[in-house]
Amino acid sequence: MADPILSMSDVTLTLTGNAGPVQILHGITLDLAAGETLGLVGPSGSGKSSLLMLMGGLERASSGTVSALGHDLTAMNEDALARFRRDHMGVVFQSFHLIPTMTALENVATPLELAGVADAFDRAEEELRRIGLGARLTHYPGQMSGGEQQRVALARAAAPRPDILLADEPTGNLDAANGAAIMDLLFGLRDRYGSTLVLVTHAPELAARCDRVVSLSDGRVDAARKAAE
């Protein structure tokens, strides 16, 4: 593999709860190539979402290193991590995380404005129209279905043209039809912008569309394989 766009070396994650420290991830080493799609699978509690959060700098590794685009995320402070995510990453969650007092257009445009994009609202409108929400620009999240809200969340993640797109169970709260539509949109974004795509999913059909699948068990890499195998 050429220089990886995202690399994890002997990464551990330990969190402290009421019963004391709990080790969530154990010695994870993983490289991703630019433009690759990776599916993270495994049972609930296996560490999939925690691993994705480490990739995005949303959790800090207890030991080991996480680097993206040649930058050591484990050495950055919170402000630097926020700027790095703003400039290079898009993140999509299962629960949408839209701002309820903002319209669809404002939810997508506001992060672009904060990043200094001059045509933030034009770009946001273009992205929303591209994914079939041209008639919903002025609607608030409470006025939209779950599938529509997830489309807005996708547009918000994709509008900055991210190098890395991270998605945590993006179809988990949707019915089969909306889930299939979100799958098509995710991979369409990857194709359009050349983003490296990492998906946490329980859906076999979604994992099967990835270039590679990594299975986790008890916070360890259980297996890695080509998705087509």
C-alpha atoms as a PDB file:
ATOM      1  CA  MET A   1       0.000   0.000   0.000  1.00  0.00           C
ATOM      2  CA  ALA A   2       1.150   3.538  -0.739  1.00  0.00           C
ATOM      3  CA  ASP A   3       1.304   5.915   2.223  1.00  0.00           C
ATOM      4  CA  PRO A   4      -1.982   5.270   4.060  1.00  0.00           C
ATOM      5  CA  ILE A   5      -4.472   8.100   4.416  1.00  0.00           C
ATOM      6  CA  LEU A   6      -5.323   6.838   7.900  1.00  0.00           C
ATOM      7  CA  SER A   7      -3.151   4.667  10.129  1.00  0.00           C
ATOM      8  CA  MET A   8      -3.528   3.160  13.595  1.00  0.00           C
ATOM      9  CA  SER A   9      -0.593   1.547  15.373  1.00  0.00           C
ATOM     10  CA  ASP A  10      -1.022  -0.599  18.511  1.00  0.00           C
ATOM     11  CA  VAL A  11      -3.947   1.530  19.670  1.00  0.00           C
ATOM     12  CA  THR A  12      -5.694   0.894  22.981  1.00  0.00           C
ATOM     13  CA  LEU A  13      -8.648   2.638  24.583  1.00  0.00           C
ATOM     14  CA  THR A  14      -9.417   2.420  28.289  1.00  0.00           C
ATOM     15  CA  LEU A  15     -12.398   4.217  29.798  1.00  0.00           C
ATOM     16  CA  THR A  16     -13.128   4.647  33.492  1.00  0.00           C
ATOM     17  CA  GLY A  17     -16.606   3.853  34.781  1.00  0.00           C
ATOM     18  CA  ASN A  18     -18.201   3.364  38.184  1.00  0.00           C
ATOM     19  CA  ALA A  19     -16.625  -0.079  38.466  1.00  0.00           C
ATOM     20  CA  GLY A  20     -13.172   1.195  37.522  1.00  0.00           C
ATOM     21  CA  PRO A  21     -11.188   1.166  34.278  1.00  0.00           C
ATOM     22  CA  VAL A  22     -12.496  -0.900  31.357  1.00  0.00           C
ATOM     23  CA  GLN A  23     -10.309  -1.639  28.337  1.00  0.00           C
ATOM     24  CA  ILE A  24     -12.436  -1.115  25.230  1.00  0.00           C
ATOM     25  CA  LEU A  25      -9.831  -1.661  22.487  1.00  0.00           C
ATOM     26  CA  HIS A  26      -6.704  -3.820  22.615  1.00  0.00           C
ATOM     27  CA  GLY A  27      -3.688  -3.183  20.383  1.00  0.00           C
ATOM     28  CA  ILE A  28      -5.453  -2.241  17.139  1.00  0.00           C
ATOM     29  CA  THR A  29      -3.177  -1.819  14.115  1.00  0.00           C
ATOM     30  CA  LEU A  30      -4.854  -0.831  10.857  1.00  0.00           C
ATOM     31  CA  ASP A  31      -4.032   1.105   7.663  1.00  0.00           C
ATOM     32  CA  LEU A  32      -6.465   2.554   5.120  1.00  0.00           C
ATOM     33  CA  ALA A  33      -5.598   3.556   1.582  1.00  0.00           C
ATOM     34  CA  ALA A  34      -6.895   6.733  -0.036  1.00  0.00           C
ATOM     35  CA  GLY A  35     -10.265   6.070  -1.666  1.00  0.00           C
ATOM     36  CA  GLU A  36     -10.753   2.739   0.099  1.00  0.00           C
ATOM     37  CA  THR A  37     -14.064   1.709   1.654  1.00  0.00           C
ATOM     38  CA  LEU A  38     -13.818  -0.198   4.929  1.00  0.00           C
ATOM     39  CA  GLY A  39     -16.655  -1.913   6.763  1.00  0.00           C
ATOM     40  CA  LEU A  40     -16.360  -2.393  10.529  1.00  0.00           C
ATOM     41  CA  VAL A  41     -18.526  -5.273  11.749  1.00  0.00           C
ATOM     42  CA  GLY A  42     -18.924  -7.326  14.904  1.00  0.00           C
ATOM     43  CA  PRO A  43     -21.367  -7.892  17.760  1.00  0.00           C
ATOM     44  CA  SER A  44     -22.668  -5.091  19.958  1.00  0.00           C
ATOM     45  CA  GLY A  45     -20.016  -4.056  22.452  1.00  0.00           C
ATOM     46  CA  SER A  46     -17.130  -5.259  20.291  1.00  0.00           C
ATOM     47  CA  GLY A  47     -15.644  -1.755  19.979  1.00  0.00           C
ATOM     48  CA  LYS A  48     -16.701  -0.784  16.451  1.00  0.00           C
ATOM     49  CA  SER A  49     -18.045   2.679  17.282  1.00  0.00           C
ATOM     50  CA  SER A  50     -15.159   3.365  19.661  1.00  0.00           C
ATOM     51  CA  LEU A  51     -12.705   2.535  16.882  1.00  0.00           C
ATOM     52  CA  LEU A  52     -14.512   4.899  14.515  1.00  0.00           C
ATOM     53  CA  MET A  53     -14.425   7.662  17.141  1.00  0.00           C
ATOM     54  CA  LEU A  54     -10.658   7.217  17.495  1.00  0.00           C
ATOM     55  CA  MET A  55     -10.270   7.491  13.723  1.00  0.00           C
ATOM     56  CA  GLY A  56     -12.092  10.818  13.816  1.00  0.00           C
ATOM     57  CA  GLY A  57     -10.298  12.179  16.861  1.00  0.00           C
ATOM     58  CA  LEU A  58     -13.581  12.173  18.778  1.00  0.00           C
ATOM     59  CA  GLU A  59     -12.014   9.882  21.370  1.00  0.00           C
ATOM     60  CA  ARG A  60      -8.368   9.979  22.404  1.00  0.00           C
ATOM     61  CA  ALA A  61      -6.342   6.749  22.383  1.00  0.00           C
ATOM     62  CA  SER A  62      -5.013   5.602  25.752  1.00  0.00           C
ATOM     63  CA  SER A  63      -1.860   4.387  24.015  1.00  0.00           C
ATOM     64  CA  GLY A  64      -0.571   3.896  20.492  1.00  0.00           C
ATOM     65  CA  THR A  65      -0.886   6.375  17.627  1.00  0.00           C
ATOM     66  CA  VAL A  66      -3.610   7.429  15.224  1.00  0.00           C
ATOM     67  CA  SER A  67      -2.554   9.440  12.187  1.00  0.00           C
ATOM     68  CA  ALA A  68      -4.515  10.835   9.250  1.00  0.00           C
ATOM     69  CA  LEU A  69      -3.124  12.525   6.157  1.00  0.00           C
ATOM     70  CA  GLY A  70       0.309  12.407   7.797  1.00  0.00           C
ATOM     71  CA  HIS A  71      -0.846  14.214  10.967  1.00  0.00           C
ATOM     72  CA  ASP A  72      -0.596  12.571  14.383  1.00  0.00           C
ATOM     73  CA  LEU A  73      -4.087  12.967  15.863  1.00  0.00           C
ATOM     74  CA  THR A  74      -2.947  11.687  19.249  1.00  0.00           C
ATOM     75  CA  ALA A  75      -0.609  14.685  19.590  1.00  0.00           C
ATOM     76  CA  MET A  76      -3.259  17.327  18.816  1.00  0.00           C
ATOM     77  CA  ASN A  77      -5.221  19.315  21.374  1.00  0.00           C
ATOM     78  CA  GLU A  78      -9.010  19.575  21.105  1.00  0.00           C
ATOM     79  CA  ASP A  79      -8.962  22.811  19.084  1.00  0.00           C
ATOM     80  CA  ALA A  80      -6.503  21.376  16.564  1.00  0.00           C
ATOM     81  CA  LEU A  81      -8.563  18.191  16.259  1.00  0.00           C
ATOM     82  CA  ALA A  82     -11.733  20.214  15.638  1.00  0.00           C
ATOM     83  CA  ARG A  83     -10.002  22.194  12.883  1.00  0.00           C
ATOM     84  CA  PHE A  84      -8.623  19.011  11.329  1.00  0.00           C
ATOM     85  CA  ARG A  85     -12.061  17.370  11.273  1.00  0.00           C
ATOM     86  CA  ARG A  86     -13.580  20.546   9.808  1.00  0.00           C
ATOM     87  CA  ASP A  87     -11.056  20.625   6.985  1.00  0.00           C
ATOM     88  CA  HIS A  88     -10.625  16.928   6.207  1.00  0.00           C
ATOM     89  CA  MET A  89     -13.369  14.730   7.665  1.00  0.00           C
ATOM     90  CA  GLY A  90     -17.091  14.186   7.485  1.00  0.00           C
ATOM     91  CA  VAL A  91     -18.921  12.241  10.195  1.00  0.00           C
ATOM     92  CA  VAL A  92     -22.412  10.717   9.965  1.00  0.00           C
ATOM     93  CA  PHE A  93     -24.113   9.311  13.057  1.00  0.00           C
ATOM     94  CA  GLN A  94     -27.052   6.955  13.478  1.00  0.00           C
ATOM     95  CA  SER A  95     -29.044   9.648  15.300  1.00  0.00           C
ATOM     96  CA  PHE A  96     -28.592  12.448  12.706  1.00  0.00           C
ATOM     97  CA  HIS A  97     -27.476  15.169  15.193  1.00  0.00           C
ATOM     98  CA  LEU A  98     -29.175  17.951  13.253  1.00  0.00           C
ATOM     99  CA  ILE A  99     -29.811  21.307  14.938  1.00  0.00           C
ATOM    100  CA  PRO A 100     -33.608  21.391  15.425  1.00  0.00           C
ATOM    101  CA  THR A 101     -33.911  25.176  15.196  1.00  0.00           C
ATOM    102  CA  MET A 102     -32.172  25.325  11.811  1.00  0.00           C
ATOM    103  CA  THR A 103     -33.611  24.494   8.406  1.00  0.00           C
ATOM    104  CA  ALA A 104     -32.098  21.768   6.254  1.00  0.00           C
ATOM    105  CA  LEU A 105     -30.229  24.428   4.281  1.00  0.00           C
ATOM    106  CA  GLU A 106     -28.902  26.086   7.436  1.00  0.00           C
ATOM    107  CA  ASN A 107     -27.829  22.756   8.947  1.00  0.00           C
ATOM    108  CA  VAL A 108     -25.664  22.064   5.893  1.00  0.00           C
ATOM    109  CA  ALA A 109     -24.444  25.627   5.267  1.00  0.00           C
ATOM    110  CA  THR A 110     -23.507  26.663   8.797  1.00  0.00           C
ATOM    111  CA  PRO A 111     -20.452  24.366   9.146  1.00  0.00           C
ATOM    112  CA  LEU A 112     -19.268  25.593   5.747  1.00  0.00           C
ATOM    113  CA  GLU A 113     -19.637  29.206   6.874  1.00  0.00           C
ATOM    114  CA  LEU A 114     -17.656  28.462  10.027  1.00  0.00           C
ATOM    115  CA  ALA A 115     -14.933  26.965   7.806  1.00  0.00           C
ATOM    116  CA  GLY A 116     -14.773  30.201   5.786  1.00  0.00           C
ATOM    117  CA  VAL A 117     -16.376  28.856   2.592  1.00  0.00           C
ATOM    118  CA  ALA A 118     -17.503  31.917   0.641  1.00  0.00           C
ATOM    119  CA  ASP A 119     -20.374  30.215  -1.216  1.00  0.00           C
ATOM    120  CA  ALA A 120     -21.577  28.176   1.776  1.00  0.00           C
ATOM    121  CA  PHE A 121     -25.308  28.471   1.106  1.00  0.00           C
ATOM    122  CA  ASP A 122     -24.958  27.880  -2.630  1.00  0.00           C
ATOM    123  CA  ARG A 123     -22.879  24.769  -2.021  1.00  0.00           C
ATOM    124  CA  ALA A 124     -25.298  23.537   0.650  1.00  0.00           C
ATOM    125  CA  GLU A 125     -28.263  23.989  -1.679  1.00  0.00           C
ATOM    126  CA  GLU A 126     -26.442  22.170  -4.471  1.00  0.00           C
ATOM    127  CA  GLU A 127     -25.681  19.223  -2.187  1.00  0.00           C
ATOM    128  CA  LEU A 128     -29.245  19.012  -0.894  1.00  0.00           C
ATOM    129  CA  ARG A 129     -30.716  19.151  -4.396  1.00  0.00           C
ATOM    130  CA  ARG A 130     -28.276  16.480  -5.535  1.00  0.00           C
ATOM    131  CA  ILE A 131     -29.628  14.048  -2.953  1.00  0.00           C
ATOM    132  CA  GLY A 132     -33.256  14.785  -3.715  1.00  0.00           C
ATOM    133  CA  LEU A 133     -34.111  17.351  -1.035  1.00  0.00           C
ATOM    134  CA  GLY A 134     -34.575  20.418  -3.213  1.00  0.00           C
ATOM    135  CA  ALA A 135     -38.153  20.748  -1.938  1.00  0.00           C
ATOM    136  CA  ARG A 136     -37.047  20.548   1.703  1.00  0.00           C
ATOM    137  CA  LEU A 137     -34.511  23.381   1.887  1.00  0.00           C
ATOM    138  CA  THR A 138     -36.567  25.507   4.286  1.00  0.00           C
ATOM    139  CA  HIS A 139     -37.950  22.620   6.362  1.00  0.00           C
ATOM    140  CA  TYR A 140     -36.837  21.996   9.937  1.00  0.00           C
ATOM    141  CA  PRO A 141     -35.742  18.527  11.144  1.00  0.00           C
ATOM    142  CA  GLY A 142     -39.044  18.049  12.996  1.00  0.00           C
ATOM    143  CA  GLN A 143     -40.872  18.500   9.685  1.00  0.00           C
ATOM    144  CA  MET A 144     -38.916  15.741   7.938  1.00  0.00           C
ATOM    145  CA  SER A 145     -38.938  11.949   8.050  1.00  0.00           C
ATOM    146  CA  GLY A 146     -36.035   9.968   9.482  1.00  0.00           C
ATOM    147  CA  GLY A 147     -34.795   9.148   6.003  1.00  0.00           C
ATOM    148  CA  GLU A 148     -34.881  12.805   5.006  1.00  0.00           C
ATOM    149  CA  GLN A 149     -33.045  13.836   8.168  1.00  0.00           C
ATOM    150  CA  GLN A 150     -30.308  11.301   7.465  1.00  0.00           C
ATOM    151  CA  ARG A 151     -30.003  12.689   3.930  1.00  0.00           C
ATOM    152  CA  VAL A 152     -29.483  16.150   5.416  1.00  0.00           C
ATOM    153  CA  ALA A 153     -26.828  14.705   7.734  1.00  0.00           C
ATOM    154  CA  LEU A 154     -25.126  13.132   4.722  1.00  0.00           C
ATOM    155  CA  ALA A 155     -25.237  16.394   2.798  1.00  0.00           C
ATOM    156  CA  ARG A 156     -23.708  18.195   5.787  1.00  0.00           C
ATOM    157  CA  ALA A 157     -20.880  15.644   5.966  1.00  0.00           C
ATOM    158  CA  ALA A 158     -20.266  15.652   2.220  1.00  0.00           C
ATOM    159  CA  ALA A 159     -20.522  19.374   1.434  1.00  0.00           C
ATOM    160  CA  PRO A 160     -16.951  20.169   2.620  1.00  0.00           C
ATOM    161  CA  ARG A 161     -15.641  17.509   0.158  1.00  0.00           C
ATOM    162  CA  PRO A 162     -13.940  15.502   2.963  1.00  0.00           C
ATOM    163  CA  ASP A 163     -10.874  13.345   2.441  1.00  0.00           C
ATOM    164  CA  ILE A 164     -12.260  10.863   4.997  1.00  0.00           C
ATOM    165  CA  LEU A 165     -15.940  10.087   5.565  1.00  0.00           C
ATOM    166  CA  LEU A 166     -16.861   8.204   8.750  1.00  0.00           C
ATOM    167  CA  ALA A 167     -20.342   6.733   9.223  1.00  0.00           C
ATOM    168  CA  ASP A 168     -21.582   5.055  12.414  1.00  0.00           C
ATOM    169  CA  GLU A 169     -24.583   2.799  11.691  1.00  0.00           C
ATOM    170  CA  PRO A 170     -25.955   5.276   9.123  1.00  0.00           C
ATOM    171  CA  THR A 171     -28.933   3.038   8.297  1.00  0.00           C
ATOM    172  CA  GLY A 172     -29.587   1.809  11.851  1.00  0.00           C
ATOM    173  CA  ASN A 173     -32.665   3.974  12.507  1.00  0.00           C
ATOM    174  CA  LEU A 174     -34.199   3.599   9.052  1.00  0.00           C
ATOM    175  CA  ASP A 175     -36.563   1.174   7.372  1.00  0.00           C
ATOM    176  CA  ALA A 176     -35.315  -1.059   4.557  1.00  0.00           C
ATOM    177  CA  ALA A 177     -36.231   1.304   1.719  1.00  0.00           C
ATOM    178  CA  ASN A 178     -34.688   4.387   3.316  1.00  0.00           C
ATOM    179  CA  GLY A 179     -31.666   2.359   4.421  1.00  0.00           C
ATOM    180  CA  ALA A 180     -31.053   1.211   0.842  1.00  0.00           C
ATOM    181  CA  ALA A 181     -31.351   4.807  -0.405  1.00  0.00           C
ATOM    182  CA  ILE A 182     -28.820   6.024   2.187  1.00  0.00           C
ATOM    183  CA  MET A 183     -26.437   3.208   1.173  1.00  0.00           C
ATOM    184  CA  ASP A 184     -26.608   4.329  -2.456  1.00  0.00           C
ATOM    185  CA  LEU A 185     -26.022   7.947  -1.440  1.00  0.00           C
ATOM    186  CA  LEU A 186     -23.009   7.062   0.717  1.00  0.00           C
ATOM    187  CA  PHE A 187     -21.262   5.176  -2.023  1.00  0.00           C
ATOM    188  CA  GLY A 188     -22.247   7.834  -4.534  1.00  0.00           C
ATOM    189  CA  LEU A 189     -20.513  10.436  -2.368  1.00  0.00           C
ATOM    190  CA  ARG A 190     -17.431   8.238  -2.216  1.00  0.00           C
ATOM    191  CA  ASP A 191     -17.431   7.960  -6.005  1.00  0.00           C
ATOM    192  CA  ARG A 192     -18.067  11.690  -6.533  1.00  0.00           C
ATOM    193  CA  TYR A 193     -15.438  13.069  -4.166  1.00  0.00           C
ATOM    194  CA  GLY A 194     -12.973  10.174  -3.890  1.00  0.00           C
ATOM    195  CA  SER A 195     -13.336  10.115  -0.112  1.00  0.00           C
ATOM    196  CA  THR A 196     -12.033   7.263   1.983  1.00  0.00           C
ATOM    197  CA  LEU A 197     -15.161   5.755   3.546  1.00  0.00           C
ATOM    198  CA  VAL A 198     -15.344   3.885   6.868  1.00  0.00           C
ATOM    199  CA  LEU A 199     -18.667   2.354   7.899  1.00  0.00           C
ATOM    200  CA  VAL A 200     -19.751   0.799  11.170  1.00  0.00           C
ATOM    201  CA  THR A 201     -22.662  -1.471  10.309  1.00  0.00           C
ATOM    202  CA  HIS A 202     -24.670  -4.512  11.318  1.00  0.00           C
ATOM    203  CA  ALA A 203     -26.094  -4.771   7.791  1.00  0.00           C
ATOM    204  CA  PRO A 204     -24.374  -7.548   5.772  1.00  0.00           C
ATOM    205  CA  GLU A 205     -25.519  -6.027   2.484  1.00  0.00           C
ATOM    206  CA  LEU A 206     -23.848  -2.725   3.364  1.00  0.00           C
ATOM    207  CA  ALA A 207     -20.601  -4.351   4.507  1.00  0.00           C
ATOM    208  CA  ALA A 208     -20.556  -6.405   1.297  1.00  0.00           C
ATOM    209  CA  ARG A 209     -20.298  -3.218  -0.775  1.00  0.00           C
ATOM    210  CA  CYS A 210     -17.030  -2.215   0.932  1.00  0.00           C
ATOM    211  CA  ASP A 211     -13.582  -2.987  -0.475  1.00  0.00           C
ATOM    212  CA  ARG A 212     -12.562  -4.570   2.823  1.00  0.00           C
ATOM    213  CA  VAL A 213     -14.292  -5.734   5.993  1.00  0.00           C
ATOM    214  CA  VAL A 214     -12.716  -5.789   9.455  1.00  0.00           C
ATOM    215  CA  SER A 215     -14.505  -7.819  12.124  1.00  0.00           C
ATOM    216  CA  LEU A 216     -14.046  -6.912  15.779  1.00  0.00           C
ATOM    217  CA  SER A 217     -14.576  -9.102  18.813  1.00  0.00           C
ATOM    218  CA  ASP A 218     -14.029  -8.010  22.427  1.00  0.00           C
ATOM    219  CA  GLY A 219     -12.069  -4.954  21.306  1.00  0.00           C
ATOM    220  CA  ARG A 220      -9.680  -6.869  19.068  1.00  0.00           C
ATOM    221  CA  VAL A 221      -9.450  -7.374  15.310  1.00  0.00           C
ATOM    222  CA  ASP A 222     -11.032 -10.786  14.860  1.00  0.00           C
ATOM    223  CA  ALA A 223     -10.640 -10.985  11.084  1.00  0.00           C
ATOM    224  CA  ALA A 224     -10.027  -8.859   8.024  1.00  0.00           C
ATOM    225  CA  ARG A 225     -11.083  -9.849   4.536  1.00  0.00           C
ATOM    226  CA  LYS A 226     -12.014  -8.591   1.139  1.00  0.00           C
ATOM    227  CA  ALA A 227     -15.740  -7.910   1.162  1.00  0.00           C
ATOM    228  CA  ALA A 228     -16.311  -9.987  -1.967  1.00  0.00           C
ATOM    229  CA  GLU A 229     -14.852 -13.150  -0.387  1.00  0.00           C
END
